[in-house]
C-alpha cells in the first residue's frame, strides 16, 4: 500500500542518518508488511551506495584542500606574499575544502555503517498486530481488505479439526500449515496476511 511505502521511505532515511534509532522500524504498524519492508531494504541499499560515494568524494576534497594549503603556505614562506585565487588566499580555500571534505566523508561513513547494520538486521520489521478472529478475517474478505485469492475462513469442524482458510481454487489450508484440501501456490501477499494472523506456512 502507498502509505506503507511512504512510511518505509521516511523511516528508512531517518534511521540511516541517526545512529541508534533502528528500533523506530518496529514502531510503525504496516498494513502491508511486504511493501514496508521492501521499501526499507531499498533505502538501506541506497544508503550504503551513496555513503560509499560520499566517503570517496570527501577524501578527494580533503586531498585537494591539503594540496592547496601546502601550496599557499609554501608561496607565503618563500616570497613573503600571498597566493590568491579569486581574491581568496589559496591556503584559506584549502582549509575550507578540508573541512567540507571531512564533513562529507563523515556523513557518508554514517550512512554506510547504519545501512549495513540495518541490512544485517533483516526485513521482518514493523509493529506486529494481534491476530484477528475468524469473524474478523471473513469481514476483511467481504470488505475487500484481505488480499485477493482468499475465499473464506472456517472454524474447526469436529474433534481434531483446525481453523482453516479456503482459497479461490477450492483448496484449503489448516492453521498449522498442513493442507486440508488440495494444494495451492500461495502468493506472497496472502502468505504475509496469514502469518500476521497466526497461520503457519510450510514452504
N, C-alpha and C. Protein backbone atom coordinates (compact mmCIF):
# COMPACT_ATOMS: atom_id res chain seq x y z
N UNK A 1 0.83 -1.20 0.00
CA UNK A 1 0.00 0.00 0.00
C UNK A 1 0.87 1.25 0.00
N UNK A 2 0.34 2.32 -0.61
CA UNK A 2 1.13 3.55 -0.75
C UNK A 2 1.57 4.11 0.59
N UNK A 3 0.69 4.06 1.61
CA UNK A 3 1.06 4.59 2.91
C UNK A 3 2.22 3.86 3.53
N UNK A 4 2.32 2.55 3.31
CA UNK A 4 3.42 1.76 3.86
C UNK A 4 4.73 2.08 3.14
N UNK A 5 4.63 2.37 1.85
CA UNK A 5 5.83 2.74 1.08
C UNK A 5 6.34 4.10 1.56
N UNK A 6 5.43 5.05 1.73
CA UNK A 6 5.82 6.38 2.20
C UNK A 6 6.44 6.29 3.60
N UNK A 7 5.81 5.50 4.48
CA UNK A 7 6.33 5.34 5.84
C UNK A 7 7.71 4.69 5.81
N UNK A 8 7.87 3.65 4.99
CA UNK A 8 9.16 2.99 4.89
C UNK A 8 10.24 3.92 4.38
N UNK A 9 9.88 4.76 3.42
CA UNK A 9 10.83 5.72 2.85
C UNK A 9 11.30 6.71 3.91
N UNK A 10 10.34 7.29 4.64
CA UNK A 10 10.69 8.29 5.65
C UNK A 10 11.45 7.69 6.82
N UNK A 11 10.94 6.58 7.35
CA UNK A 11 11.59 5.94 8.50
C UNK A 11 12.97 5.42 8.12
N UNK A 12 13.09 4.84 6.92
CA UNK A 12 14.38 4.32 6.48
C UNK A 12 15.44 5.39 6.40
N UNK A 13 15.08 6.57 5.85
CA UNK A 13 16.04 7.68 5.74
C UNK A 13 16.47 8.18 7.11
N UNK A 14 15.51 8.40 8.00
CA UNK A 14 15.82 8.94 9.32
C UNK A 14 16.76 8.01 10.08
N UNK A 15 16.46 6.71 10.04
CA UNK A 15 17.23 5.74 10.81
C UNK A 15 18.64 5.58 10.26
N UNK A 16 18.82 5.71 8.96
CA UNK A 16 20.16 5.57 8.38
C UNK A 16 21.01 6.81 8.62
N UNK A 17 20.38 7.93 9.00
CA UNK A 17 21.12 9.16 9.30
C UNK A 17 21.44 9.25 10.79
N UNK A 18 20.49 8.82 11.63
CA UNK A 18 20.66 8.97 13.08
C UNK A 18 21.07 7.63 13.71
N UNK A 19 22.30 7.51 14.20
CA UNK A 19 22.75 6.24 14.81
C UNK A 19 21.89 5.85 16.02
N UNK A 20 21.68 4.55 16.19
CA UNK A 20 20.98 4.04 17.36
C UNK A 20 19.47 4.19 17.33
N UNK A 21 18.91 4.50 16.15
CA UNK A 21 17.46 4.72 16.07
C UNK A 21 16.74 3.58 15.36
N UNK A 22 17.40 2.43 15.22
CA UNK A 22 16.84 1.31 14.49
C UNK A 22 15.52 0.78 15.02
N UNK A 23 15.28 0.94 16.33
CA UNK A 23 14.04 0.42 16.92
C UNK A 23 12.81 1.11 16.35
N UNK A 24 12.98 2.29 15.76
CA UNK A 24 11.84 3.00 15.18
C UNK A 24 11.20 2.20 14.05
N UNK A 25 11.95 1.30 13.44
CA UNK A 25 11.40 0.50 12.34
C UNK A 25 10.26 -0.40 12.81
N UNK A 26 10.28 -0.75 14.10
CA UNK A 26 9.23 -1.62 14.63
C UNK A 26 8.14 -0.83 15.35
N UNK A 27 8.23 0.49 15.33
CA UNK A 27 7.21 1.31 15.98
C UNK A 27 6.01 1.53 15.07
N UNK A 28 6.22 1.33 13.77
CA UNK A 28 5.14 1.55 12.79
C UNK A 28 4.46 0.22 12.48
N UNK A 29 3.13 0.22 12.45
CA UNK A 29 2.36 -1.00 12.15
C UNK A 29 1.88 -0.93 10.70
N UNK A 30 2.55 -1.63 9.78
CA UNK A 30 2.17 -1.55 8.36
C UNK A 30 0.91 -2.34 8.04
N UNK A 31 0.16 -1.86 7.06
CA UNK A 31 -0.98 -2.63 6.54
C UNK A 31 -0.48 -3.73 5.63
N UNK A 32 0.59 -3.43 4.89
CA UNK A 32 1.20 -4.41 4.00
C UNK A 32 2.68 -4.52 4.36
N UNK A 33 3.02 -5.58 5.10
CA UNK A 33 4.39 -5.75 5.59
C UNK A 33 5.40 -5.86 4.45
N UNK A 34 4.99 -6.47 3.33
CA UNK A 34 5.91 -6.64 2.19
C UNK A 34 6.31 -5.29 1.60
N UNK A 35 5.32 -4.41 1.38
CA UNK A 35 5.62 -3.09 0.82
C UNK A 35 6.53 -2.30 1.76
N UNK A 36 6.23 -2.36 3.04
CA UNK A 36 7.00 -1.62 4.04
C UNK A 36 8.45 -2.11 4.08
N UNK A 37 8.63 -3.43 4.16
CA UNK A 37 9.98 -3.99 4.27
C UNK A 37 10.76 -3.89 2.97
N UNK A 38 10.08 -4.00 1.83
CA UNK A 38 10.76 -3.83 0.55
C UNK A 38 11.30 -2.40 0.42
N UNK A 39 10.53 -1.43 0.90
CA UNK A 39 10.98 -0.03 0.85
C UNK A 39 12.17 0.19 1.77
N UNK A 40 12.11 -0.37 2.98
CA UNK A 40 13.24 -0.25 3.91
C UNK A 40 14.51 -0.84 3.29
N UNK A 41 14.37 -1.99 2.65
CA UNK A 41 15.54 -2.63 2.03
C UNK A 41 16.12 -1.77 0.92
N UNK A 42 15.25 -1.16 0.12
CA UNK A 42 15.72 -0.28 -0.95
C UNK A 42 16.46 0.92 -0.41
N UNK A 43 15.95 1.51 0.68
CA UNK A 43 16.62 2.66 1.30
C UNK A 43 17.98 2.25 1.86
N UNK A 44 18.06 1.09 2.49
CA UNK A 44 19.33 0.62 3.06
C UNK A 44 20.37 0.40 1.96
N UNK A 45 19.94 -0.23 0.87
CA UNK A 45 20.87 -0.47 -0.24
C UNK A 45 21.38 0.85 -0.81
N UNK A 46 20.48 1.82 -0.96
CA UNK A 46 20.87 3.13 -1.49
C UNK A 46 21.80 3.86 -0.52
N UNK A 47 21.55 3.73 0.78
CA UNK A 47 22.38 4.42 1.78
C UNK A 47 23.81 3.91 1.75
N UNK A 48 23.97 2.60 1.58
CA UNK A 48 25.31 2.02 1.51
C UNK A 48 26.04 2.53 0.28
N UNK A 49 25.35 2.58 -0.86
CA UNK A 49 25.98 3.04 -2.11
C UNK A 49 26.31 4.54 -2.05
N UNK A 50 25.32 5.34 -1.63
CA UNK A 50 25.54 6.79 -1.55
C UNK A 50 26.60 7.11 -0.50
N UNK A 51 26.54 6.42 0.63
CA UNK A 51 27.54 6.65 1.68
C UNK A 51 28.95 6.37 1.19
N UNK A 52 29.11 5.29 0.43
CA UNK A 52 30.43 4.97 -0.11
C UNK A 52 30.93 6.05 -1.06
N UNK A 53 30.03 6.58 -1.88
CA UNK A 53 30.41 7.67 -2.80
C UNK A 53 30.79 8.92 -2.05
N UNK A 54 30.05 9.20 -0.96
CA UNK A 54 30.36 10.39 -0.17
C UNK A 54 31.72 10.28 0.52
N UNK A 55 32.04 9.08 1.00
CA UNK A 55 33.35 8.88 1.63
C UNK A 55 34.47 9.15 0.62
N UNK A 56 34.29 8.64 -0.61
CA UNK A 56 35.30 8.85 -1.66
C UNK A 56 35.40 10.33 -2.03
N UNK A 57 34.23 10.99 -2.20
CA UNK A 57 34.23 12.40 -2.58
C UNK A 57 34.84 13.26 -1.47
N UNK A 58 34.51 12.93 -0.22
CA UNK A 58 35.06 13.68 0.90
C UNK A 58 36.56 13.53 0.99
N UNK A 59 37.04 12.32 0.75
CA UNK A 59 38.50 12.08 0.76
C UNK A 59 39.20 12.85 -0.33
N UNK A 60 38.57 12.93 -1.50
CA UNK A 60 39.16 13.70 -2.60
C UNK A 60 39.21 15.18 -2.25
N UNK A 61 38.11 15.71 -1.67
CA UNK A 61 38.09 17.11 -1.27
C UNK A 61 39.16 17.43 -0.25
N UNK A 62 39.35 16.53 0.70
CA UNK A 62 40.39 16.74 1.72
C UNK A 62 41.78 16.73 1.11
N UNK A 63 41.99 15.84 0.15
CA UNK A 63 43.31 15.76 -0.50
C UNK A 63 43.61 17.02 -1.29
N UNK A 64 42.58 17.51 -2.05
CA UNK A 64 42.77 18.75 -2.81
C UNK A 64 43.01 19.91 -1.86
N UNK A 65 42.24 19.96 -0.78
CA UNK A 65 42.42 21.03 0.20
C UNK A 65 43.79 21.01 0.84
N UNK A 66 44.28 19.82 1.16
CA UNK A 66 45.61 19.70 1.76
C UNK A 66 46.68 20.21 0.79
N UNK A 67 46.52 19.88 -0.50
CA UNK A 67 47.47 20.36 -1.51
C UNK A 67 47.43 21.87 -1.64
N UNK A 68 46.23 22.45 -1.57
CA UNK A 68 46.10 23.90 -1.68
C UNK A 68 46.75 24.60 -0.49
N UNK A 69 46.54 24.06 0.69
CA UNK A 69 47.17 24.64 1.88
C UNK A 69 48.69 24.60 1.74
N UNK A 70 49.20 23.47 1.28
CA UNK A 70 50.65 23.31 1.14
C UNK A 70 51.21 24.32 0.15
N UNK A 71 50.51 24.51 -0.99
CA UNK A 71 50.97 25.48 -2.00
C UNK A 71 50.92 26.89 -1.44
N UNK A 72 49.82 27.23 -0.78
CA UNK A 72 49.67 28.58 -0.23
C UNK A 72 50.71 28.90 0.82
N UNK A 73 50.96 27.96 1.69
CA UNK A 73 51.95 28.16 2.76
C UNK A 73 53.35 28.27 2.17
N UNK A 74 53.63 27.45 1.15
CA UNK A 74 54.96 27.47 0.52
C UNK A 74 55.24 28.81 -0.14
N UNK A 75 54.26 29.33 -0.88
CA UNK A 75 54.43 30.63 -1.55
C UNK A 75 54.60 31.73 -0.52
N UNK A 76 53.81 31.68 0.54
CA UNK A 76 53.90 32.71 1.58
C UNK A 76 55.27 32.71 2.24
N UNK A 77 55.75 31.50 2.53
CA UNK A 77 57.05 31.40 3.21
C UNK A 77 58.19 31.79 2.28
N UNK A 78 58.05 31.50 1.00
CA UNK A 78 59.16 31.73 0.08
C UNK A 78 59.27 33.16 -0.39
N UNK A 79 58.12 33.84 -0.54
CA UNK A 79 58.16 35.17 -1.14
C UNK A 79 57.68 36.28 -0.22
N UNK A 80 57.07 35.88 0.87
CA UNK A 80 56.51 36.89 1.76
C UNK A 80 55.16 37.39 1.29
N UNK A 81 54.74 36.96 0.08
CA UNK A 81 53.45 37.36 -0.46
C UNK A 81 52.40 36.28 -0.19
N UNK A 82 51.18 36.49 -0.70
CA UNK A 82 50.08 35.53 -0.52
C UNK A 82 49.51 35.15 -1.87
N UNK A 83 49.53 33.86 -2.19
CA UNK A 83 48.95 33.37 -3.44
C UNK A 83 47.44 33.33 -3.27
N UNK A 84 46.69 33.96 -4.21
CA UNK A 84 45.24 34.04 -4.09
C UNK A 84 44.56 33.59 -5.37
N UNK A 85 43.36 33.05 -5.24
CA UNK A 85 42.51 32.68 -6.37
C UNK A 85 41.17 33.35 -6.16
N UNK A 86 40.79 34.20 -7.12
CA UNK A 86 39.51 34.90 -6.98
C UNK A 86 39.50 35.81 -5.77
N UNK A 87 40.63 36.33 -5.39
CA UNK A 87 40.70 37.24 -4.25
C UNK A 87 40.80 36.55 -2.91
N UNK A 88 40.75 35.17 -2.90
CA UNK A 88 40.82 34.43 -1.64
C UNK A 88 42.16 33.73 -1.53
N UNK A 89 42.80 33.82 -0.39
CA UNK A 89 44.09 33.13 -0.20
C UNK A 89 43.95 31.63 -0.45
N UNK A 90 44.89 31.06 -1.20
CA UNK A 90 44.84 29.64 -1.53
C UNK A 90 44.84 28.77 -0.27
N UNK A 91 45.65 29.14 0.71
CA UNK A 91 45.72 28.34 1.94
C UNK A 91 44.37 28.32 2.65
N UNK A 92 43.68 29.48 2.66
CA UNK A 92 42.36 29.55 3.29
C UNK A 92 41.33 28.71 2.55
N UNK A 93 41.37 28.75 1.22
CA UNK A 93 40.47 27.94 0.41
C UNK A 93 40.72 26.45 0.69
N UNK A 94 42.00 26.11 0.78
CA UNK A 94 42.35 24.71 1.06
C UNK A 94 41.81 24.24 2.39
N UNK A 95 41.89 25.10 3.42
CA UNK A 95 41.38 24.73 4.74
C UNK A 95 39.87 24.49 4.69
N UNK A 96 39.17 25.33 3.91
CA UNK A 96 37.71 25.16 3.76
C UNK A 96 37.38 23.84 3.08
N UNK A 97 38.17 23.49 2.05
CA UNK A 97 37.96 22.22 1.33
C UNK A 97 38.19 21.03 2.26
N UNK A 98 39.20 21.14 3.09
CA UNK A 98 39.49 20.05 4.03
C UNK A 98 38.32 19.85 4.98
N UNK A 99 37.80 20.97 5.51
CA UNK A 99 36.69 20.89 6.46
C UNK A 99 35.44 20.31 5.79
N UNK A 100 35.13 20.79 4.58
CA UNK A 100 33.95 20.30 3.87
C UNK A 100 34.11 18.83 3.51
N UNK A 101 35.31 18.46 3.11
CA UNK A 101 35.57 17.06 2.75
C UNK A 101 35.42 16.14 3.93
N UNK A 102 35.86 16.61 5.10
CA UNK A 102 35.75 15.79 6.31
C UNK A 102 34.28 15.57 6.68
N UNK A 103 33.47 16.62 6.54
CA UNK A 103 32.04 16.50 6.83
C UNK A 103 31.38 15.53 5.87
N UNK A 104 31.70 15.66 4.59
CA UNK A 104 31.12 14.77 3.57
C UNK A 104 31.50 13.32 3.83
N UNK A 105 32.78 13.09 4.10
CA UNK A 105 33.25 11.73 4.36
C UNK A 105 32.63 11.17 5.63
N UNK A 106 32.52 12.01 6.65
CA UNK A 106 31.93 11.56 7.92
C UNK A 106 30.47 11.17 7.76
N UNK A 107 29.71 12.00 7.03
CA UNK A 107 28.30 11.70 6.79
C UNK A 107 28.16 10.41 5.99
N UNK A 108 29.02 10.26 4.99
CA UNK A 108 28.99 9.04 4.18
C UNK A 108 29.28 7.81 5.00
N UNK A 109 30.23 7.91 5.92
CA UNK A 109 30.57 6.77 6.77
C UNK A 109 29.40 6.38 7.66
N UNK A 110 28.66 7.38 8.16
CA UNK A 110 27.49 7.10 9.00
C UNK A 110 26.41 6.39 8.18
N UNK A 111 26.15 6.88 6.96
CA UNK A 111 25.15 6.26 6.09
C UNK A 111 25.52 4.81 5.79
N UNK A 112 26.79 4.58 5.48
CA UNK A 112 27.24 3.22 5.17
C UNK A 112 27.08 2.30 6.37
N UNK A 113 27.55 2.76 7.53
CA UNK A 113 27.51 1.92 8.74
C UNK A 113 26.08 1.58 9.13
N UNK A 114 25.20 2.59 9.14
CA UNK A 114 23.81 2.35 9.52
C UNK A 114 23.09 1.50 8.49
N UNK A 115 23.37 1.75 7.20
CA UNK A 115 22.75 0.95 6.14
C UNK A 115 23.11 -0.52 6.26
N UNK A 116 24.39 -0.80 6.49
CA UNK A 116 24.85 -2.19 6.62
C UNK A 116 24.27 -2.84 7.87
N UNK A 117 24.21 -2.09 8.95
CA UNK A 117 23.66 -2.63 10.20
C UNK A 117 22.20 -3.01 10.02
N UNK A 118 21.45 -2.18 9.33
CA UNK A 118 20.04 -2.46 9.10
C UNK A 118 19.84 -3.60 8.11
N UNK A 119 20.74 -3.74 7.15
CA UNK A 119 20.69 -4.89 6.24
C UNK A 119 20.86 -6.19 7.01
N UNK A 120 21.82 -6.18 7.93
CA UNK A 120 22.10 -7.38 8.72
C UNK A 120 20.93 -7.73 9.66
N UNK A 121 20.15 -6.73 10.06
CA UNK A 121 19.02 -6.97 10.97
C UNK A 121 17.86 -7.64 10.27
N UNK A 122 17.86 -7.63 8.93
CA UNK A 122 16.83 -8.32 8.17
C UNK A 122 15.59 -7.47 7.93
N UNK A 123 14.62 -8.07 7.25
CA UNK A 123 13.45 -7.31 6.80
C UNK A 123 12.13 -7.96 7.17
N UNK A 124 12.01 -8.22 8.47
CA UNK A 124 10.72 -8.61 9.04
C UNK A 124 10.38 -7.56 10.09
N UNK A 125 10.33 -6.32 9.63
CA UNK A 125 10.19 -5.19 10.54
C UNK A 125 8.75 -4.67 10.54
N UNK A 126 8.45 -3.85 11.54
CA UNK A 126 7.11 -3.30 11.68
C UNK A 126 6.44 -3.86 12.92
N UNK A 127 5.60 -3.05 13.53
CA UNK A 127 4.87 -3.48 14.72
C UNK A 127 3.88 -4.57 14.35
N UNK A 128 3.95 -5.66 15.08
CA UNK A 128 3.09 -6.81 14.78
C UNK A 128 1.71 -6.62 15.43
N UNK A 129 0.69 -6.72 14.59
CA UNK A 129 -0.67 -6.57 15.11
C UNK A 129 -1.17 -7.90 15.67
N UNK A 130 -2.18 -7.84 16.55
CA UNK A 130 -2.75 -9.05 17.13
C UNK A 130 -3.53 -9.82 16.07
N UNK A 131 -3.50 -11.15 16.17
CA UNK A 131 -4.22 -11.99 15.21
C UNK A 131 -5.72 -11.72 15.29
N UNK A 132 -6.36 -11.69 14.13
CA UNK A 132 -7.81 -11.45 14.07
C UNK A 132 -8.58 -12.74 14.27
N UNK A 133 -9.81 -12.59 14.70
CA UNK A 133 -10.69 -13.76 14.86
C UNK A 133 -11.18 -14.22 13.49
N UNK A 134 -11.78 -15.42 13.44
CA UNK A 134 -12.32 -15.93 12.18
C UNK A 134 -13.36 -14.96 11.61
N UNK A 135 -14.21 -14.43 12.46
CA UNK A 135 -15.23 -13.47 12.00
C UNK A 135 -14.58 -12.20 11.43
N UNK A 136 -13.54 -11.72 12.08
CA UNK A 136 -12.86 -10.53 11.59
C UNK A 136 -12.17 -10.78 10.25
N UNK A 137 -11.59 -11.98 10.12
CA UNK A 137 -10.93 -12.33 8.86
C UNK A 137 -11.94 -12.40 7.72
N UNK A 138 -13.09 -13.00 8.00
CA UNK A 138 -14.13 -13.07 6.96
C UNK A 138 -14.68 -11.68 6.63
N UNK A 139 -14.75 -10.81 7.62
CA UNK A 139 -15.17 -9.43 7.36
C UNK A 139 -14.18 -8.73 6.44
N UNK A 140 -12.88 -9.02 6.62
CA UNK A 140 -11.86 -8.45 5.74
C UNK A 140 -12.10 -8.87 4.30
N UNK A 141 -12.46 -10.15 4.11
CA UNK A 141 -12.74 -10.65 2.75
C UNK A 141 -13.96 -9.94 2.17
N UNK A 142 -15.02 -9.85 2.96
CA UNK A 142 -16.25 -9.21 2.50
C UNK A 142 -16.02 -7.74 2.12
N UNK A 143 -15.21 -7.05 2.93
CA UNK A 143 -14.96 -5.62 2.70
C UNK A 143 -13.76 -5.38 1.77
N UNK A 144 -13.23 -6.50 1.21
CA UNK A 144 -12.10 -6.42 0.27
C UNK A 144 -10.85 -5.80 0.90
N UNK A 145 -10.67 -6.03 2.20
CA UNK A 145 -9.46 -5.59 2.89
C UNK A 145 -8.40 -6.68 2.91
N UNK A 146 -8.82 -7.92 2.65
CA UNK A 146 -7.89 -9.05 2.60
C UNK A 146 -7.35 -9.18 1.18
N UNK A 147 -6.18 -9.81 1.01
CA UNK A 147 -5.62 -9.99 -0.34
C UNK A 147 -6.56 -10.82 -1.22
N UNK A 148 -6.53 -10.54 -2.51
CA UNK A 148 -7.33 -11.31 -3.46
C UNK A 148 -6.84 -12.76 -3.48
N UNK A 149 -7.79 -13.69 -3.63
CA UNK A 149 -7.44 -15.11 -3.68
C UNK A 149 -7.96 -15.88 -2.49
N UNK A 150 -8.40 -15.16 -1.45
CA UNK A 150 -8.97 -15.81 -0.27
C UNK A 150 -10.49 -15.90 -0.42
N UNK A 151 -11.04 -17.09 -0.14
CA UNK A 151 -12.48 -17.31 -0.30
C UNK A 151 -13.22 -17.15 1.03
N UNK A 152 -12.77 -17.86 2.08
CA UNK A 152 -13.38 -17.73 3.39
C UNK A 152 -12.52 -18.42 4.45
N UNK A 153 -12.74 -18.05 5.70
CA UNK A 153 -12.10 -18.69 6.84
C UNK A 153 -13.16 -19.48 7.60
N UNK A 154 -12.80 -20.68 8.05
CA UNK A 154 -13.73 -21.53 8.79
C UNK A 154 -13.15 -21.91 10.15
N UNK A 155 -14.04 -22.08 11.13
CA UNK A 155 -13.63 -22.62 12.43
C UNK A 155 -13.44 -24.13 12.29
N UNK A 156 -12.88 -24.74 13.31
CA UNK A 156 -12.62 -26.19 13.26
C UNK A 156 -13.93 -26.96 13.18
N UNK A 157 -13.89 -28.08 12.45
CA UNK A 157 -15.06 -28.94 12.31
C UNK A 157 -14.81 -30.25 13.04
N UNK A 158 -15.49 -30.48 14.14
CA UNK A 158 -15.38 -31.75 14.84
C UNK A 158 -14.08 -31.92 15.60
N UNK A 159 -13.94 -33.09 16.23
CA UNK A 159 -12.78 -33.41 17.05
C UNK A 159 -11.52 -33.51 16.19
N UNK A 160 -10.47 -32.86 16.65
CA UNK A 160 -9.19 -32.90 15.94
C UNK A 160 -9.10 -31.95 14.76
N UNK A 161 -10.18 -31.22 14.51
CA UNK A 161 -10.17 -30.27 13.39
C UNK A 161 -9.43 -28.99 13.75
N UNK A 162 -9.15 -28.21 12.75
CA UNK A 162 -8.43 -26.94 12.95
C UNK A 162 -9.16 -25.82 12.22
N UNK A 163 -8.89 -24.60 12.67
CA UNK A 163 -9.31 -23.45 11.86
C UNK A 163 -8.58 -23.55 10.52
N UNK A 164 -9.27 -23.17 9.45
CA UNK A 164 -8.65 -23.30 8.14
C UNK A 164 -9.16 -22.20 7.21
N UNK A 165 -8.42 -22.02 6.13
CA UNK A 165 -8.77 -20.99 5.15
C UNK A 165 -8.98 -21.65 3.79
N UNK A 166 -10.03 -21.21 3.08
CA UNK A 166 -10.31 -21.70 1.73
C UNK A 166 -9.85 -20.65 0.72
N UNK A 167 -9.23 -21.14 -0.35
CA UNK A 167 -8.77 -20.26 -1.42
C UNK A 167 -9.74 -20.32 -2.60
N UNK A 168 -9.57 -19.41 -3.54
CA UNK A 168 -10.47 -19.33 -4.69
C UNK A 168 -10.44 -20.58 -5.57
N UNK A 169 -9.34 -21.35 -5.51
CA UNK A 169 -9.26 -22.57 -6.34
C UNK A 169 -9.85 -23.78 -5.60
N UNK A 170 -10.54 -23.51 -4.46
CA UNK A 170 -11.22 -24.53 -3.64
C UNK A 170 -10.28 -25.39 -2.80
N UNK A 171 -8.99 -25.08 -2.76
CA UNK A 171 -8.09 -25.76 -1.82
C UNK A 171 -8.28 -25.11 -0.45
N UNK A 172 -7.83 -25.80 0.61
CA UNK A 172 -7.99 -25.28 1.98
C UNK A 172 -6.75 -25.61 2.80
N UNK A 173 -6.30 -24.63 3.59
CA UNK A 173 -5.09 -24.76 4.39
C UNK A 173 -5.43 -24.68 5.87
N UNK A 174 -4.95 -25.68 6.65
CA UNK A 174 -5.13 -25.66 8.10
C UNK A 174 -4.22 -24.61 8.73
N UNK A 175 -4.53 -24.24 9.95
CA UNK A 175 -3.77 -23.19 10.63
C UNK A 175 -2.33 -23.63 10.92
N UNK A 176 -2.08 -24.93 11.03
CA UNK A 176 -0.72 -25.40 11.29
C UNK A 176 0.11 -25.53 10.02
N UNK A 177 -0.45 -25.14 8.88
CA UNK A 177 0.30 -25.17 7.62
C UNK A 177 0.09 -26.42 6.80
N UNK A 178 -0.65 -27.39 7.32
CA UNK A 178 -0.94 -28.61 6.56
C UNK A 178 -2.13 -28.36 5.64
N UNK A 179 -2.16 -29.09 4.53
CA UNK A 179 -3.25 -28.91 3.58
C UNK A 179 -4.46 -29.75 3.99
N UNK A 180 -5.61 -29.12 4.07
CA UNK A 180 -6.85 -29.81 4.39
C UNK A 180 -7.48 -30.38 3.11
N UNK A 181 -7.39 -29.56 2.05
CA UNK A 181 -7.92 -29.96 0.75
C UNK A 181 -7.03 -29.39 -0.35
N UNK A 182 -6.66 -30.25 -1.30
CA UNK A 182 -5.92 -29.77 -2.47
C UNK A 182 -4.57 -29.15 -2.16
N UNK A 183 -4.17 -28.22 -2.99
CA UNK A 183 -2.88 -27.54 -2.87
C UNK A 183 -2.95 -26.23 -3.64
N UNK A 184 -2.01 -25.34 -3.37
CA UNK A 184 -2.10 -24.01 -3.99
C UNK A 184 -0.76 -23.31 -3.80
N UNK A 185 -0.25 -22.68 -4.86
CA UNK A 185 0.96 -21.87 -4.74
C UNK A 185 0.54 -20.50 -4.21
N UNK A 186 0.73 -20.31 -2.92
CA UNK A 186 0.19 -19.12 -2.25
C UNK A 186 1.03 -17.88 -2.57
N UNK A 187 0.40 -16.82 -3.07
CA UNK A 187 1.13 -15.57 -3.35
C UNK A 187 1.69 -14.96 -2.06
N UNK A 188 2.76 -14.18 -2.21
CA UNK A 188 3.43 -13.60 -1.05
C UNK A 188 2.52 -12.71 -0.20
N UNK A 189 1.64 -11.95 -0.84
CA UNK A 189 0.76 -11.05 -0.08
C UNK A 189 -0.18 -11.85 0.81
N UNK A 190 -0.65 -13.00 0.32
CA UNK A 190 -1.52 -13.85 1.14
C UNK A 190 -0.71 -14.49 2.26
N UNK A 191 0.51 -14.92 1.94
CA UNK A 191 1.38 -15.52 2.97
C UNK A 191 1.58 -14.54 4.12
N UNK A 192 1.90 -13.29 3.80
CA UNK A 192 2.11 -12.27 4.84
C UNK A 192 0.85 -12.07 5.68
N UNK A 193 -0.28 -12.02 5.01
CA UNK A 193 -1.56 -11.80 5.70
C UNK A 193 -1.87 -12.96 6.65
N UNK A 194 -1.67 -14.18 6.18
CA UNK A 194 -1.95 -15.35 7.01
C UNK A 194 -0.98 -15.42 8.20
N UNK A 195 0.29 -15.16 7.96
CA UNK A 195 1.27 -15.19 9.05
C UNK A 195 0.94 -14.17 10.13
N UNK A 196 0.51 -12.97 9.70
CA UNK A 196 0.15 -11.93 10.66
C UNK A 196 -1.01 -12.36 11.55
N UNK A 197 -1.79 -13.34 11.06
CA UNK A 197 -2.97 -13.77 11.79
C UNK A 197 -2.85 -15.19 12.34
N UNK A 198 -1.61 -15.63 12.54
CA UNK A 198 -1.36 -16.87 13.28
C UNK A 198 -1.22 -18.14 12.47
N UNK A 199 -1.23 -18.02 11.14
CA UNK A 199 -1.11 -19.24 10.32
C UNK A 199 0.35 -19.60 10.13
N UNK A 200 0.63 -20.89 10.14
CA UNK A 200 1.95 -21.40 9.77
C UNK A 200 1.95 -21.65 8.28
N UNK A 201 3.05 -21.32 7.63
CA UNK A 201 3.17 -21.57 6.19
C UNK A 201 4.36 -22.48 5.97
N UNK A 202 4.10 -23.69 5.47
CA UNK A 202 5.17 -24.66 5.21
C UNK A 202 5.54 -24.58 3.74
N UNK A 203 6.73 -24.03 3.48
CA UNK A 203 7.18 -23.89 2.09
C UNK A 203 7.99 -25.10 1.67
